[in-house]
Protein backbone atom coordinates (compact mmCIF):
# COMPACT_ATOMS: atom_id res chain seq x y z
CA MET A 1 80.67 -99.64 54.80
CA SER A 2 81.02 -96.67 52.52
CA LEU A 3 82.30 -93.15 52.91
CA LEU A 4 79.41 -90.80 52.24
CA ILE A 5 79.11 -87.09 51.51
CA HIS A 6 76.39 -84.91 53.07
CA PHE A 7 75.57 -81.22 53.29
CA LEU A 8 75.92 -79.47 56.64
CA THR A 9 73.14 -76.94 57.31
CA ASN A 10 72.06 -74.81 60.24
CA ASP A 11 68.45 -75.80 59.66
CA PRO A 12 67.71 -79.55 59.78
CA SER A 13 64.31 -78.97 58.16
CA LEU A 14 66.01 -77.93 54.92
CA ASP A 15 66.10 -80.79 52.47
CA PHE A 16 68.73 -80.45 49.81
CA GLU A 17 68.71 -82.95 47.02
CA ALA A 18 72.11 -84.55 46.75
CA PRO A 19 73.67 -83.80 43.36
CA ASN A 20 74.57 -87.47 42.93
CA TYR A 21 74.87 -90.64 44.96
CA GLY A 22 77.24 -89.00 47.43
CA SER A 23 79.77 -91.81 47.66
CA PHE A 24 83.39 -91.04 48.47
CA GLY A 25 84.45 -94.66 48.25
CA PHE A 26 84.83 -97.60 50.58
CA GLU A 27 85.67 -97.48 54.28
CA ILE A 28 89.04 -99.12 53.59
CA TRP A 29 89.91 -96.18 51.30
CA ARG A 30 90.29 -94.02 54.42
CA LYS A 31 93.83 -95.40 54.62
CA THR A 32 94.50 -97.04 51.26
CA LEU A 33 93.51 -94.01 49.16
CA TRP A 34 92.65 -90.79 50.99
CA GLY A 35 95.18 -91.44 53.77
CA HIS A 36 97.89 -92.69 51.42
CA PRO A 37 101.15 -90.68 51.64
CA ILE A 38 100.80 -89.60 47.99
CA ILE A 39 97.74 -87.52 48.90
CA SER A 40 99.70 -85.54 51.51
CA SER A 41 102.72 -85.26 49.23
CA LEU A 42 100.52 -83.53 46.63
CA GLY A 43 99.82 -80.81 49.20
CA CYS A 44 96.49 -81.95 50.64
CA GLN A 45 95.87 -81.32 54.32
CA LEU A 46 92.15 -81.98 54.84
CA ILE A 47 91.55 -85.11 52.77
CA PRO A 48 94.26 -87.18 54.52
CA ILE A 49 92.37 -86.56 57.80
CA LEU A 50 89.93 -89.24 56.61
CA ALA A 51 92.53 -91.85 57.57
CA THR A 52 91.60 -91.30 61.22
CA LYS A 53 88.39 -89.25 61.38
CA ASP A 54 85.54 -87.70 59.42
CA ILE A 55 85.78 -84.33 57.67
CA TYR A 56 83.49 -81.43 58.58
CA ALA A 57 84.40 -78.72 56.06
CA VAL A 58 82.90 -75.31 56.77
CA GLU A 59 83.97 -71.75 56.00
CA GLU A 60 87.64 -71.66 54.95
CA ASP A 61 87.94 -75.44 55.17
CA LEU A 62 85.16 -75.76 52.58
CA ASN A 63 87.21 -73.71 50.11
CA ASN A 64 90.31 -75.69 51.00
CA LEU A 65 88.50 -79.00 50.50
CA HIS A 66 87.22 -77.86 47.11
CA ASN A 67 90.74 -76.85 46.05
CA GLU A 68 92.22 -80.13 47.29
CA LEU A 69 89.66 -82.07 45.26
CA LEU A 70 90.61 -80.09 42.15
CA LEU A 71 94.27 -80.83 42.86
CA LEU A 72 93.56 -84.55 43.17
CA LYS A 73 91.54 -84.49 39.95
CA ASP A 74 94.57 -83.04 38.17
CA ASN A 75 96.82 -85.76 39.61
CA ILE A 76 94.67 -88.87 39.27
CA ALA A 77 97.24 -90.79 37.20
CA THR A 78 99.89 -90.25 39.87
CA ILE A 79 97.48 -91.31 42.61
CA THR A 80 96.55 -94.47 40.68
CA ASN A 81 100.21 -95.34 40.18
CA HIS A 82 100.81 -95.21 43.93
CA THR A 83 97.55 -96.78 45.17
CA ASN A 84 96.68 -99.24 42.38
CA ILE A 85 93.07 -98.01 42.49
CA ALA A 86 91.50 -97.54 39.05
CA ILE A 87 91.41 -94.03 37.64
CA GLU A 88 87.67 -94.38 36.94
CA ASP A 89 86.92 -95.29 40.56
CA ILE A 90 88.87 -92.33 41.93
CA THR A 91 87.44 -89.94 39.34
CA VAL A 92 83.84 -90.78 40.23
CA ARG A 93 84.45 -90.16 43.94
CA ILE A 94 86.28 -86.87 43.36
CA GLU A 95 83.53 -85.65 41.02
CA ASN A 96 80.91 -86.64 43.61
CA ALA A 97 82.63 -84.53 46.26
CA LEU A 98 83.20 -81.63 43.86
CA ALA A 99 79.47 -81.56 43.07
CA PHE A 100 78.74 -81.18 46.80
CA THR A 101 81.42 -78.55 47.47
CA THR A 102 80.38 -76.51 44.42
CA ILE A 103 76.76 -76.37 45.60
CA ALA A 104 77.78 -75.66 49.21
CA LEU A 105 80.00 -72.76 48.13
CA ASP A 106 77.10 -71.31 46.12
CA GLN A 107 74.28 -71.69 48.68
CA GLU A 108 74.19 -69.47 51.77
CA THR A 109 71.91 -71.91 53.63
CA ILE A 110 74.46 -74.71 53.34
CA LEU A 111 77.21 -74.34 55.93
CA GLY A 112 79.52 -76.96 54.52
CA VAL A 113 80.15 -80.56 53.60
CA TYR A 114 80.62 -83.69 55.71
CA ILE A 115 82.59 -86.70 54.45
CA GLY A 116 82.72 -89.83 56.54
């Protein structure tokens, strides 16, 4: 299974085209990457939640998720050193999520972002 990213809307009839494939990695990455202690030690609070449950980021949490993704992007080498997951693989997933959060922050009809 894969971790996927979706928009959260208040109107299910709205059809937003995903900015990219919407992958946030493999199911096992819940613990081996996103739930790894290095992610929390960098200051992330939302992303490590994926170790045990899905993320529903709306309102302030949407801003926080976006900022955490930017923080991870700036620290990819450190994350790779601790997780042994290739920089390219992590980069693609972070950029996927950033594309979603950027659009969600800009569109009033999008309430937030789901990752799970």
